[in-house]
C-alpha cells in the first residue's frame, strides 16, 4: 500500500514538473501550443491516446416562435415598456425575465441592433 502511494505521488510530481517546464520555458510552451492547435488530436501530457472528436454538426431544430400578439401590444409605447423594465430590474432583478418575455416585438426591436453579415 505504501509503495503504491509512493508511485502515485511520484507520478503526480513528474506531471507537475512537466507542466511547470511547459509553463515557464517559452520554447516548450510555444512548441506545445503549436502542436496542440495544429495536430488533429491534441497531445495529452499523460500519454493516454484520445479519439479524434466527432465533426461538429449544428442543430437547427428550434421551437417555433410564439404566436404574434400584435393586437394586444399596439397601444403600448416601447419607451414606456423599457422604463417599466428598468423599474422591475431595480425592485426584483430575478423576475425581470418575466417582464421581458411579455414585451412586444416592437419594444425589443427598438433596443436590439442586428448586423447583416457582409
PDB file of N, CA and C in Angstrom:
ATOM      1  N   UNK A   1       0.819  -1.178   0.000  1.00  0.00           N
ATOM      2  CA  UNK A   1       0.000   0.000   0.000  1.00  0.00           C
ATOM      3  C   UNK A   1       0.875   1.258   0.000  1.00  0.00           C
ATOM      4  N   UNK A   2       1.877   1.277   0.805  1.00  0.00           N
ATOM      5  CA  UNK A   2       2.774   2.420   0.873  1.00  0.00           C
ATOM      6  C   UNK A   2       3.543   2.596  -0.430  1.00  0.00           C
ATOM      7  N   UNK A   3       3.925   1.488  -1.045  1.00  0.00           N
ATOM      8  CA  UNK A   3       4.667   1.559  -2.304  1.00  0.00           C
ATOM      9  C   UNK A   3       3.759   2.109  -3.407  1.00  0.00           C
ATOM     10  N   UNK A   4       2.493   1.686  -3.427  1.00  0.00           N
ATOM     11  CA  UNK A   4       1.545   2.192  -4.419  1.00  0.00           C
ATOM     12  C   UNK A   4       1.324   3.687  -4.275  1.00  0.00           C
ATOM     13  N   UNK A   5       1.219   4.153  -3.039  1.00  0.00           N
ATOM     14  CA  UNK A   5       1.044   5.590  -2.809  1.00  0.00           C
ATOM     15  C   UNK A   5       2.290   6.359  -3.226  1.00  0.00           C
ATOM     16  N   UNK A   6       3.451   5.781  -2.983  1.00  0.00           N
ATOM     17  CA  UNK A   6       4.696   6.439  -3.383  1.00  0.00           C
ATOM     18  C   UNK A   6       4.767   6.554  -4.899  1.00  0.00           C
ATOM     19  N   UNK A   7       4.329   5.519  -5.618  1.00  0.00           N
ATOM     20  CA  UNK A   7       4.343   5.570  -7.090  1.00  0.00           C
ATOM     21  C   UNK A   7       3.371   6.635  -7.600  1.00  0.00           C
ATOM     22  N   UNK A   8       2.197   6.698  -6.987  1.00  0.00           N
ATOM     23  CA  UNK A   8       1.227   7.714  -7.398  1.00  0.00           C
ATOM     24  C   UNK A   8       1.757   9.120  -7.128  1.00  0.00           C
ATOM     25  N   UNK A   9       2.392   9.286  -5.978  1.00  0.00           N
ATOM     26  CA  UNK A   9       2.968  10.583  -5.635  1.00  0.00           C
ATOM     27  C   UNK A   9       4.066  10.957  -6.621  1.00  0.00           C
ATOM     28  N   UNK A  10       4.920   9.992  -6.972  1.00  0.00           N
ATOM     29  CA  UNK A  10       5.978  10.254  -7.956  1.00  0.00           C
ATOM     30  C   UNK A  10       5.391  10.636  -9.305  1.00  0.00           C
ATOM     31  N   UNK A  11       4.302   9.968  -9.707  1.00  0.00           N
ATOM     32  CA  UNK A  11       3.666  10.285 -10.984  1.00  0.00           C
ATOM     33  C   UNK A  11       3.094  11.707 -10.968  1.00  0.00           C
ATOM     34  N   UNK A  12       2.486  12.087  -9.852  1.00  0.00           N
ATOM     35  CA  UNK A  12       1.933  13.438  -9.736  1.00  0.00           C
ATOM     36  C   UNK A  12       3.056  14.471  -9.769  1.00  0.00           C
ATOM     37  N   UNK A  13       4.131  14.188  -9.081  1.00  0.00           N
ATOM     38  CA  UNK A  13       5.264  15.118  -9.063  1.00  0.00           C
ATOM     39  C   UNK A  13       5.870  15.250 -10.448  1.00  0.00           C
ATOM     40  N   UNK A  14       6.005  14.127 -11.156  1.00  0.00           N
ATOM     41  CA  UNK A  14       6.573  14.158 -12.507  1.00  0.00           C
ATOM     42  C   UNK A  14       5.677  14.969 -13.445  1.00  0.00           C
ATOM     43  N   UNK A  15       4.370  14.779 -13.327  1.00  0.00           N
ATOM     44  CA  UNK A  15       3.446  15.536 -14.157  1.00  0.00           C
ATOM     45  C   UNK A  15       3.532  17.028 -13.829  1.00  0.00           C
ATOM     46  N   UNK A  16       3.606  17.361 -12.548  1.00  0.00           N
ATOM     47  CA  UNK A  16       3.704  18.769 -12.144  1.00  0.00           C
ATOM     48  C   UNK A  16       4.980  19.402 -12.679  1.00  0.00           C
ATOM     49  N   UNK A  17       6.084  18.656 -12.653  1.00  0.00           N
ATOM     50  CA  UNK A  17       7.339  19.189 -13.201  1.00  0.00           C
ATOM     51  C   UNK A  17       7.224  19.415 -14.697  1.00  0.00           C
ATOM     52  N   UNK A  18       6.568  18.489 -15.388  1.00  0.00           N
ATOM     53  CA  UNK A  18       6.369  18.657 -16.825  1.00  0.00           C
ATOM     54  C   UNK A  18       5.533  19.884 -17.133  1.00  0.00           C
ATOM     55  N   UNK A  19       4.470  20.073 -16.371  1.00  0.00           N
ATOM     56  CA  UNK A  19       3.628  21.247 -16.578  1.00  0.00           C
ATOM     57  C   UNK A  19       4.384  22.534 -16.242  1.00  0.00           C
ATOM     58  N   UNK A  20       5.188  22.485 -15.191  1.00  0.00           N
ATOM     59  CA  UNK A  20       5.981  23.662 -14.828  1.00  0.00           C
ATOM     60  C   UNK A  20       6.975  24.000 -15.924  1.00  0.00           C
ATOM     61  N   UNK A  21       7.581  22.969 -16.517  1.00  0.00           N
ATOM     62  CA  UNK A  21       8.527  23.202 -17.611  1.00  0.00           C
ATOM     63  C   UNK A  21       7.825  23.835 -18.800  1.00  0.00           C
ATOM     64  N   UNK A  22       6.655  23.312 -19.131  1.00  0.00           N
ATOM     65  CA  UNK A  22       5.910  23.861 -20.263  1.00  0.00           C
ATOM     66  C   UNK A  22       5.527  25.321 -20.005  1.00  0.00           C
ATOM     67  N   UNK A  23       5.090  25.629 -18.790  1.00  0.00           N
ATOM     68  CA  UNK A  23       4.599  26.968 -18.494  1.00  0.00           C
ATOM     69  C   UNK A  23       5.694  27.991 -18.247  1.00  0.00           C
ATOM     70  N   UNK A  24       6.879  27.540 -17.843  1.00  0.00           N
ATOM     71  CA  UNK A  24       7.937  28.505 -17.527  1.00  0.00           C
ATOM     72  C   UNK A  24       8.979  28.646 -18.622  1.00  0.00           C
ATOM     73  N   UNK A  25       9.067  27.690 -19.528  1.00  0.00           N
ATOM     74  CA  UNK A  25      10.030  27.770 -20.627  1.00  0.00           C
ATOM     75  C   UNK A  25       9.277  28.203 -21.879  1.00  0.00           C
ATOM     76  N   UNK A  26       9.545  29.383 -22.408  1.00  0.00           N
ATOM     77  CA  UNK A  26       8.788  29.878 -23.560  1.00  0.00           C
ATOM     78  C   UNK A  26       8.902  28.986 -24.796  1.00  0.00           C
ATOM     79  N   UNK A  27      10.060  28.357 -24.995  1.00  0.00           N
ATOM     80  CA  UNK A  27      10.219  27.488 -26.163  1.00  0.00           C
ATOM     81  C   UNK A  27       9.322  26.253 -26.051  1.00  0.00           C
ATOM     82  N   UNK A  28       9.282  25.650 -24.866  1.00  0.00           N
ATOM     83  CA  UNK A  28       8.414  24.491 -24.662  1.00  0.00           C
ATOM     84  C   UNK A  28       6.942  24.883 -24.806  1.00  0.00           C
ATOM     85  N   UNK A  29       6.585  26.033 -24.261  1.00  0.00           N
ATOM     86  CA  UNK A  29       5.203  26.491 -24.348  1.00  0.00           C
ATOM     87  C   UNK A  29       4.808  26.728 -25.805  1.00  0.00           C
ATOM     88  N   UNK A  30       5.681  27.354 -26.570  1.00  0.00           N
ATOM     89  CA  UNK A  30       5.386  27.610 -27.986  1.00  0.00           C
ATOM     90  C   UNK A  30       5.247  26.301 -28.761  1.00  0.00           C
ATOM     91  N   UNK A  31       6.148  25.344 -28.503  1.00  0.00           N
ATOM     92  CA  UNK A  31       6.063  24.055 -29.188  1.00  0.00           C
ATOM     93  C   UNK A  31       4.785  23.314 -28.818  1.00  0.00           C
ATOM     94  N   UNK A  32       4.453  23.291 -27.539  1.00  0.00           N
ATOM     95  CA  UNK A  32       3.245  22.590 -27.092  1.00  0.00           C
ATOM     96  C   UNK A  32       1.997  23.235 -27.684  1.00  0.00           C
ATOM     97  N   UNK A  33       1.944  24.578 -27.666  1.00  0.00           N
ATOM     98  CA  UNK A  33       0.786  25.279 -28.217  1.00  0.00           C
ATOM     99  C   UNK A  33       0.665  25.034 -29.709  1.00  0.00           C
ATOM    100  N   UNK A  34       1.792  25.072 -30.413  1.00  0.00           N
ATOM    101  CA  UNK A  34       1.781  24.809 -31.851  1.00  0.00           C
ATOM    102  C   UNK A  34       1.269  23.403 -32.140  1.00  0.00           C
ATOM    103  N   UNK A  35       1.757  22.414 -31.411  1.00  0.00           N
ATOM    104  CA  UNK A  35       1.288  21.039 -31.611  1.00  0.00           C
ATOM    105  C   UNK A  35      -0.184  20.909 -31.256  1.00  0.00           C
ATOM    106  N   UNK A  36      -0.609  21.552 -30.188  1.00  0.00           N
ATOM    107  CA  UNK A  36      -1.993  21.433 -29.735  1.00  0.00           C
ATOM    108  C   UNK A  36      -2.969  21.946 -30.791  1.00  0.00           C
ATOM    109  N   UNK A  37      -2.634  23.074 -31.424  1.00  0.00           N
ATOM    110  CA  UNK A  37      -3.571  23.673 -32.362  1.00  0.00           C
ATOM    111  C   UNK A  37      -3.375  23.226 -33.807  1.00  0.00           C
ATOM    112  N   UNK A  38      -2.291  22.532 -34.118  1.00  0.00           N
ATOM    113  CA  UNK A  38      -2.079  22.105 -35.495  1.00  0.00           C
ATOM    114  C   UNK A  38      -2.348  20.625 -35.708  1.00  0.00           C
ATOM    115  N   UNK A  39      -2.220  19.806 -34.687  1.00  0.00           N
ATOM    116  CA  UNK A  39      -2.484  18.389 -34.849  1.00  0.00           C
ATOM    117  C   UNK A  39      -3.978  18.136 -34.788  1.00  0.00           C
ATOM    118  N   UNK A  40      -4.402  17.040 -35.404  1.00  0.00           N
ATOM    119  CA  UNK A  40      -5.817  16.688 -35.430  1.00  0.00           C
ATOM    120  C   UNK A  40      -6.296  16.335 -34.026  1.00  0.00           C
ATOM    121  N   UNK A  41      -5.494  15.582 -33.298  1.00  0.00           N
ATOM    122  CA  UNK A  41      -5.840  15.172 -31.943  1.00  0.00           C
ATOM    123  C   UNK A  41      -4.867  15.855 -30.989  1.00  0.00           C
ATOM    124  N   UNK A  42      -5.370  16.602 -29.998  1.00  0.00           N
ATOM    125  CA  UNK A  42      -4.455  17.244 -29.046  1.00  0.00           C
ATOM    126  C   UNK A  42      -3.594  16.217 -28.307  1.00  0.00           C
ATOM    127  N   UNK A  43      -2.379  16.615 -28.002  1.00  0.00           N
ATOM    128  CA  UNK A  43      -1.458  15.741 -27.292  1.00  0.00           C
ATOM    129  C   UNK A  43      -1.774  15.819 -25.804  1.00  0.00           C
ATOM    130  N   UNK A  44      -1.976  14.673 -25.173  1.00  0.00           N
ATOM    131  CA  UNK A  44      -2.261  14.635 -23.751  1.00  0.00           C
ATOM    132  C   UNK A  44      -0.959  14.412 -23.006  1.00  0.00           C
ATOM    133  N   UNK A  45      -0.731  15.156 -21.941  1.00  0.00           N
ATOM    134  CA  UNK A  45       0.547  15.031 -21.236  1.00  0.00           C
ATOM    135  C   UNK A  45       0.647  13.743 -20.447  1.00  0.00           C
ATOM    136  N   UNK A  46      -0.490  13.059 -20.227  1.00  0.00           N
ATOM    137  CA  UNK A  46      -0.442  11.786 -19.515  1.00  0.00           C
ATOM    138  C   UNK A  46      -0.058  10.633 -20.422  1.00  0.00           C
ATOM    139  N   UNK A  47      -0.035  10.858 -21.728  1.00  0.00           N
ATOM    140  CA  UNK A  47       0.330   9.805 -22.653  1.00  0.00           C
ATOM    141  C   UNK A  47      -0.830   8.907 -23.039  1.00  0.00           C
ATOM    142  N   UNK A  48      -2.021   9.226 -22.581  1.00  0.00           N
ATOM    143  CA  UNK A  48      -3.195   8.431 -22.921  1.00  0.00           C
ATOM    144  C   UNK A  48      -3.713   8.920 -24.265  1.00  0.00           C
ATOM    145  N   UNK A  49      -3.886   7.991 -25.210  1.00  0.00           N
ATOM    146  CA  UNK A  49      -4.372   8.383 -26.516  1.00  0.00           C
ATOM    147  C   UNK A  49      -5.874   8.634 -26.450  1.00  0.00           C
ATOM    148  N   UNK A  50      -6.284   9.697 -27.106  1.00  0.00           N
ATOM    149  CA  UNK A  50      -7.696  10.024 -27.154  1.00  0.00           C
ATOM    150  C   UNK A  50      -8.186   9.895 -28.581  1.00  0.00           C
ATOM    151  N   UNK A  51      -9.470   9.653 -28.736  1.00  0.00           N
ATOM    152  CA  UNK A  51     -10.038   9.573 -30.068  1.00  0.00           C
ATOM    153  C   UNK A  51     -10.265  10.971 -30.600  1.00  0.00           C
ATOM    154  N   UNK A  52     -10.224  11.081 -31.914  1.00  0.00           N
ATOM    155  CA  UNK A  52     -10.475  12.374 -32.537  1.00  0.00           C
ATOM    156  C   UNK A  52     -11.915  12.781 -32.259  1.00  0.00           C
ATOM    157  N   UNK A  53     -12.146  14.042 -31.941  1.00  0.00           N
ATOM    158  CA  UNK A  53     -13.515  14.470 -31.674  1.00  0.00           C
ATOM    159  C   UNK A  53     -14.365  14.373 -32.939  1.00  0.00           C
ATOM    160  N   UNK A  54     -15.642  14.105 -32.755  1.00  0.00           N
ATOM    161  CA  UNK A  54     -16.548  13.989 -33.887  1.00  0.00           C
ATOM    162  C   UNK A  54     -16.741  15.350 -34.533  1.00  0.00           C
ATOM    163  N   UNK A  55     -17.004  15.336 -35.822  1.00  0.00           N
ATOM    164  CA  UNK A  55     -17.248  16.565 -36.565  1.00  0.00           C
ATOM    165  C   UNK A  55     -18.468  17.266 -35.972  1.00  0.00           C
ATOM    166  N   UNK A  56     -18.367  18.548 -35.752  1.00  0.00           N
ATOM    167  CA  UNK A  56     -19.479  19.302 -35.170  1.00  0.00           C
ATOM    168  C   UNK A  56     -20.587  19.433 -36.202  1.00  0.00           C
ATOM    169  N   UNK A  57     -21.781  19.054 -35.801  1.00  0.00           N
ATOM    170  CA  UNK A  57     -22.960  19.185 -36.649  1.00  0.00           C
ATOM    171  C   UNK A  57     -23.929  20.148 -35.965  1.00  0.00           C
ATOM    172  N   UNK A  58     -24.142  21.324 -36.536  1.00  0.00           N
ATOM    173  CA  UNK A  58     -25.068  22.252 -35.889  1.00  0.00           C
ATOM    174  C   UNK A  58     -26.481  21.699 -35.898  1.00  0.00           C
ATOM    175  N   UNK A  59     -27.213  21.975 -34.851  1.00  0.00           N
ATOM    176  CA  UNK A  59     -28.576  21.506 -34.721  1.00  0.00           C
ATOM    177  C   UNK A  59     -29.507  22.709 -34.868  1.00  0.00           C
ATOM    178  N   UNK A  60     -30.278  22.701 -35.953  1.00  0.00           N
ATOM    179  CA  UNK A  60     -31.168  23.824 -36.225  1.00  0.00           C
ATOM    180  C   UNK A  60     -32.606  23.535 -35.824  1.00  0.00           C
ATOM    181  N   UNK A  61     -32.826  22.475 -35.048  1.00  0.00           N
ATOM    182  CA  UNK A  61     -34.174  22.152 -34.598  1.00  0.00           C
ATOM    183  C   UNK A  61     -34.527  23.051 -33.422  1.00  0.00           C
ATOM    184  N   UNK A  62     -35.157  24.156 -33.728  1.00  0.00           N
ATOM    185  CA  UNK A  62     -35.520  25.111 -32.702  1.00  0.00           C
ATOM    186  C   UNK A  62     -37.038  25.188 -32.621  1.00  0.00           C
ATOM    187  N   UNK A  63     -37.571  25.474 -31.457  1.00  0.00           N
ATOM    188  CA  UNK A  63     -39.025  25.601 -31.360  1.00  0.00           C
ATOM    189  C   UNK A  63     -39.516  26.805 -32.150  1.00  0.00           C
ATOM    190  N   UNK A  64     -40.735  26.728 -32.576  1.00  0.00           N
ATOM    191  CA  UNK A  64     -41.328  27.826 -33.344  1.00  0.00           C
ATOM    192  C   UNK A  64     -41.470  29.047 -32.442  1.00  0.00           C
ATOM    193  N   UNK A  65     -41.326  30.241 -33.010  1.00  0.00           N
ATOM    194  CA  UNK A  65     -41.512  31.441 -32.190  1.00  0.00           C
ATOM    195  C   UNK A  65     -42.958  31.533 -31.720  1.00  0.00           C
ATOM    196  N   UNK A  66     -43.188  32.205 -30.616  1.00  0.00           N
ATOM    197  CA  UNK A  66     -44.560  32.320 -30.115  1.00  0.00           C
ATOM    198  C   UNK A  66     -45.436  33.085 -31.098  1.00  0.00           C
ATOM    199  N   UNK A  67     -46.721  32.812 -31.022  1.00  0.00           N
ATOM    200  CA  UNK A  67     -47.674  33.481 -31.916  1.00  0.00           C
ATOM    201  C   UNK A  67     -47.636  34.979 -31.673  1.00  0.00           C
ATOM    202  N   UNK A  68     -47.840  35.720 -32.715  1.00  0.00           N
ATOM    203  CA  UNK A  68     -47.797  37.181 -32.629  1.00  0.00           C
ATOM    204  C   UNK A  68     -48.943  37.697 -31.764  1.00  0.00           C
ATOM    205  N   UNK A  69     -48.627  38.668 -30.954  1.00  0.00           N
ATOM    206  CA  UNK A  69     -49.634  39.316 -30.115  1.00  0.00           C
ATOM    207  C   UNK A  69     -49.767  40.771 -30.538  1.00  0.00           C
ATOM    208  N   UNK A  70     -49.835  40.985 -31.862  1.00  0.00           N
ATOM    209  CA  UNK A  70     -49.829  42.345 -32.393  1.00  0.00           C
ATOM    210  C   UNK A  70     -51.026  43.157 -31.909  1.00  0.00           C
ATOM    211  N   UNK A  71     -52.184  42.541 -31.779  1.00  0.00           N
ATOM    212  CA  UNK A  71     -53.373  43.277 -31.371  1.00  0.00           C
ATOM    213  C   UNK A  71     -53.314  43.765 -29.943  1.00  0.00           C
ATOM    214  N   UNK A  72     -52.703  43.007 -29.047  1.00  0.00           N
ATOM    215  CA  UNK A  72     -52.706  43.380 -27.636  1.00  0.00           C
ATOM    216  C   UNK A  72     -51.593  44.355 -27.270  1.00  0.00           C
ATOM    217  N   UNK A  73     -50.559  44.493 -28.090  1.00  0.00           N
ATOM    218  CA  UNK A  73     -49.427  45.337 -27.736  1.00  0.00           C
ATOM    219  C   UNK A  73     -49.353  46.619 -28.566  1.00  0.00           C
ATOM    220  N   UNK A  74     -50.351  46.897 -29.410  1.00  0.00           N
ATOM    221  CA  UNK A  74     -50.246  48.029 -30.319  1.00  0.00           C
ATOM    222  C   UNK A  74     -50.248  49.376 -29.608  1.00  0.00           C
ATOM    223  N   UNK A  75     -51.005  49.519 -28.542  1.00  0.00           N
ATOM    224  CA  UNK A  75     -51.125  50.806 -27.896  1.00  0.00           C
ATOM    225  C   UNK A  75     -50.010  51.125 -26.909  1.00  0.00           C
ATOM    226  N   UNK A  76     -49.050  50.239 -26.709  1.00  0.00           N
ATOM    227  CA  UNK A  76     -48.006  50.444 -25.708  1.00  0.00           C
ATOM    228  C   UNK A  76     -46.784  51.058 -26.367  1.00  0.00           C
ATOM    229  N   UNK A  77     -46.272  52.103 -25.767  1.00  0.00           N
ATOM    230  CA  UNK A  77     -45.073  52.779 -26.247  1.00  0.00           C
ATOM    231  C   UNK A  77     -43.834  51.974 -25.825  1.00  0.00           C
ATOM    232  N   UNK A  78     -42.926  51.660 -26.771  1.00  0.00           N
ATOM    233  CA  UNK A  78     -41.725  50.897 -26.395  1.00  0.00           C
ATOM    234  C   UNK A  78     -40.892  51.590 -25.309  1.00  0.00           C
ATOM    235  N   UNK A  79     -40.845  52.914 -25.351  1.00  0.00           N
ATOM    236  CA  UNK A  79     -40.068  53.642 -24.339  1.00  0.00           C
ATOM    237  C   UNK A  79     -40.659  53.432 -22.944  1.00  0.00           C
ATOM    238  N   UNK A  80     -41.988  53.411 -22.853  1.00  0.00           N
ATOM    239  CA  UNK A  80     -42.641  53.162 -21.573  1.00  0.00           C
ATOM    240  C   UNK A  80     -42.361  51.740 -21.091  1.00  0.00           C
ATOM    241  N   UNK A  81     -42.334  50.790 -22.019  1.00  0.00           N
ATOM    242  CA  UNK A  81     -42.031  49.412 -21.635  1.00  0.00           C
ATOM    243  C   UNK A  81     -40.624  49.298 -21.066  1.00  0.00           C
ATOM    244  N   UNK A  82     -39.658  49.994 -21.681  1.00  0.00           N
ATOM    245  CA  UNK A  82     -38.280  49.917 -21.179  1.00  0.00           C
ATOM    246  C   UNK A  82     -38.131  50.620 -19.834  1.00  0.00           C
ATOM    247  N   UNK A  83     -38.883  51.703 -19.633  1.00  0.00           N
ATOM    248  CA  UNK A  83     -38.851  52.360 -18.324  1.00  0.00           C
ATOM    249  C   UNK A  83     -39.429  51.441 -17.253  1.00  0.00           C
ATOM    250  N   UNK A  84     -40.526  50.761 -17.578  1.00  0.00           N
ATOM    251  CA  UNK A  84     -41.116  49.818 -16.630  1.00  0.00           C
ATOM    252  C   UNK A  84     -40.171  48.648 -16.370  1.00  0.00           C
ATOM    253  N   UNK A  85     -39.468  48.206 -17.409  1.00  0.00           N
ATOM    254  CA  UNK A  85     -38.491  47.129 -17.232  1.00  0.00           C
ATOM    255  C   UNK A  85     -37.377  47.576 -16.287  1.00  0.00           C
ATOM    256  N   UNK A  86     -36.930  48.821 -16.413  1.00  0.00           N
ATOM    257  CA  UNK A  86     -35.909  49.354 -15.511  1.00  0.00           C
ATOM    258  C   UNK A  86     -36.371  49.359 -14.069  1.00  0.00           C
ATOM    259  N   UNK A  87     -37.641  49.688 -13.868  1.00  0.00           N
ATOM    260  CA  UNK A  87     -38.190  49.679 -12.509  1.00  0.00           C
ATOM    261  C   UNK A  87     -38.238  48.253 -11.953  1.00  0.00           C
ATOM    262  N   UNK A  88     -38.618  47.291 -12.805  1.00  0.00           N
ATOM    263  CA  UNK A  88     -38.647  45.890 -12.370  1.00  0.00           C
ATOM    264  C   UNK A  88     -37.242  45.424 -12.020  1.00  0.00           C
ATOM    265  N   UNK A  89     -36.251  45.814 -12.821  1.00  0.00           N
ATOM    266  CA  UNK A  89     -34.856  45.439 -12.538  1.00  0.00           C
ATOM    267  C   UNK A  89     -34.396  46.011 -11.202  1.00  0.00           C
ATOM    268  N   UNK A  90     -34.821  47.220 -10.878  1.00  0.00           N
ATOM    269  CA  UNK A  90     -34.430  47.831  -9.609  1.00  0.00           C
ATOM    270  C   UNK A  90     -35.102  47.153  -8.423  1.00  0.00           C
ATOM    271  N   UNK A  91     -36.373  46.759  -8.593  1.00  0.00           N
ATOM    272  CA  UNK A  91     -37.111  46.132  -7.497  1.00  0.00           C
ATOM    273  C   UNK A  91     -36.756  44.659  -7.318  1.00  0.00           C
ATOM    274  N   UNK A  92     -36.844  43.877  -8.390  1.00  0.00           N
ATOM    275  CA  UNK A  92     -36.600  42.428  -8.282  1.00  0.00           C
ATOM    276  C   UNK A  92     -35.973  41.911  -9.574  1.00  0.00           C
ATOM    277  N   UNK A  93     -34.644  41.966  -9.663  1.00  0.00           N
ATOM    278  CA  UNK A  93     -33.966  41.547 -10.894  1.00  0.00           C
ATOM    279  C   UNK A  93     -34.200  40.082 -11.246  1.00  0.00           C
ATOM    280  N   UNK A  94     -34.502  39.244 -10.255  1.00  0.00           N
ATOM    281  CA  UNK A  94     -34.709  37.825 -10.542  1.00  0.00           C
ATOM    282  C   UNK A  94     -35.989  37.592 -11.334  1.00  0.00           C
ATOM    283  N   UNK A  95     -36.906  38.548 -11.332  1.00  0.00           N
ATOM    284  CA  UNK A  95     -38.158  38.403 -12.077  1.00  0.00           C
ATOM    285  C   UNK A  95     -38.180  39.224 -13.361  1.00  0.00           C
ATOM    286  N   UNK A  96     -37.077  39.851 -13.711  1.00  0.00           N
ATOM    287  CA  UNK A  96     -37.053  40.714 -14.896  1.00  0.00           C
ATOM    288  C   UNK A  96     -37.262  39.925 -16.178  1.00  0.00           C
ATOM    289  N   UNK A  97     -36.847  38.689 -16.221  1.00  0.00           N
ATOM    290  CA  UNK A  97     -37.020  37.882 -17.435  1.00  0.00           C
ATOM    291  C   UNK A  97     -38.500  37.713 -17.759  1.00  0.00           C
ATOM    292  N   UNK A  98     -39.341  37.662 -16.720  1.00  0.00           N
ATOM    293  CA  UNK A  98     -40.776  37.526 -16.962  1.00  0.00           C
ATOM    294  C   UNK A  98     -41.315  38.761 -17.679  1.00  0.00           C
ATOM    295  N   UNK A  99     -40.832  39.907 -17.263  1.00  0.00           N
ATOM    296  CA  UNK A  99     -41.281  41.139 -17.913  1.00  0.00           C
ATOM    297  C   UNK A  99     -40.802  41.182 -19.355  1.00  0.00           C
ATOM    298  N   UNK A 100     -39.549  40.767 -19.589  1.00  0.00           N
ATOM    299  CA  UNK A 100     -39.030  40.745 -20.954  1.00  0.00           C
ATOM    300  C   UNK A 100     -39.828  39.809 -21.848  1.00  0.00           C
ATOM    301  N   UNK A 101     -40.249  38.671 -21.307  1.00  0.00           N
ATOM    302  CA  UNK A 101     -40.995  37.713 -22.126  1.00  0.00           C
ATOM    303  C   UNK A 101     -42.361  38.243 -22.523  1.00  0.00           C
ATOM    304  N   UNK A 102     -42.877  39.231 -21.801  1.00  0.00           N
ATOM    305  CA  UNK A 102     -44.193  39.794 -22.120  1.00  0.00           C
ATOM    306  C   UNK A 102     -44.107  41.050 -22.982  1.00  0.00           C
ATOM    307  N   UNK A 103     -42.892  41.516 -23.243  1.00  0.00           N
ATOM    308  CA  UNK A 103     -42.732  42.725 -24.054  1.00  0.00           C
ATOM    309  C   UNK A 103     -43.082  42.441 -25.503  1.00  0.00           C
ATOM    310  N   UNK A 104     -43.567  43.459 -26.153  1.00  0.00           N
ATOM    311  CA  UNK A 104     -43.906  43.333 -27.568  1.00  0.00           C
ATOM    312  C   UNK A 104     -42.662  43.317 -28.437  1.00  0.00           C
ATOM    313  N   UNK A 105     -42.774  42.779 -29.653  1.00  0.00           N
ATOM    314  CA  UNK A 105     -41.614  42.714 -30.548  1.00  0.00           C
ATOM    315  C   UNK A 105     -41.094  44.094 -30.936  1.00  0.00           C
ATOM    316  N   UNK A 106     -41.985  45.089 -30.993  1.00  0.00           N
ATOM    317  CA  UNK A 106     -41.530  46.438 -31.355  1.00  0.00           C
ATOM    318  C   UNK A 106     -40.592  47.002 -30.291  1.00  0.00           C
ATOM    319  N   UNK A 107     -40.883  46.726 -29.032  1.00  0.00           N
ATOM    320  CA  UNK A 107     -40.026  47.219 -27.948  1.00  0.00           C
ATOM    321  C   UNK A 107     -38.654  46.572 -28.019  1.00  0.00           C
ATOM    322  N   UNK A 108     -38.630  45.281 -28.307  1.00  0.00           N
ATOM    323  CA  UNK A 108     -37.335  44.601 -28.417  1.00  0.00           C
ATOM    324  C   UNK A 108     -36.555  45.100 -29.626  1.00  0.00           C
ATOM    325  N   UNK A 109     -37.261  45.330 -30.736  1.00  0.00           N
ATOM    326  CA  UNK A 109     -36.577  45.834 -31.932  1.00  0.00           C
ATOM    327  C   UNK A 109     -36.013  47.231 -31.702  1.00  0.00           C
ATOM    328  N   UNK A 110     -36.632  47.990 -30.833  1.00  0.00           N
ATOM    329  CA  UNK A 110     -36.142  49.347 -30.597  1.00  0.00           C
ATOM    330  C   UNK A 110     -34.804  49.353 -29.851  1.00  0.00           C
ATOM    331  N   UNK A 111     -34.453  48.257 -29.168  1.00  0.00           N
ATOM    332  CA  UNK A 111     -33.203  48.203 -28.415  1.00  0.00           C
ATOM    333  C   UNK A 111     -32.138  47.329 -29.058  1.00  0.00           C
ATOM    334  N   UNK A 112     -32.548  46.388 -29.906  1.00  0.00           N
ATOM    335  CA  UNK A 112     -31.594  45.451 -30.483  1.00  0.00           C
ATOM    336  C   UNK A 112     -31.123  45.935 -31.836  1.00  0.00           C
ATOM    337  N   UNK A 113     -29.861  45.725 -32.119  1.00  0.00           N
ATOM    338  CA  UNK A 113     -29.285  46.096 -33.400  1.00  0.00           C
ATOM    339  C   UNK A 113     -28.714  44.830 -34.025  1.00  0.00           C
ATOM    340  N   UNK A 114     -29.249  44.423 -35.140  1.00  0.00           N
ATOM    341  CA  UNK A 114     -28.772  43.244 -35.825  1.00  0.00           C
ATOM    342  C   UNK A 114     -27.883  43.667 -36.986  1.00  0.00           C
ATOM    343  N   UNK A 115     -26.697  43.104 -37.036  1.00  0.00           N
ATOM    344  CA  UNK A 115     -25.767  43.417 -38.117  1.00  0.00           C
ATOM    345  C   UNK A 115     -25.869  42.341 -39.185  1.00  0.00           C
ATOM    346  N   UNK A 116     -25.970  42.761 -40.416  1.00  0.00           N
ATOM    347  CA  UNK A 116     -26.022  41.819 -41.528  1.00  0.00           C
ATOM    348  C   UNK A 116     -24.605  41.371 -41.865  1.00  0.00           C
ATOM    349  N   UNK A 117     -24.393  40.073 -42.104  1.00  0.00           N
ATOM    350  CA  UNK A 117     -23.052  39.622 -42.479  1.00  0.00           C
ATOM    351  C   UNK A 117     -22.668  40.201 -43.845  1.00  0.00           C
ATOM    352  N   UNK A 118     -21.440  40.634 -43.944  1.00  0.00           N
ATOM    353  CA  UNK A 118     -21.016  41.241 -45.219  1.00  0.00           C
ATOM    354  C   UNK A 118     -20.263  40.272 -46.065  1.00  0.00           C
TER     355      UNK A 118
END
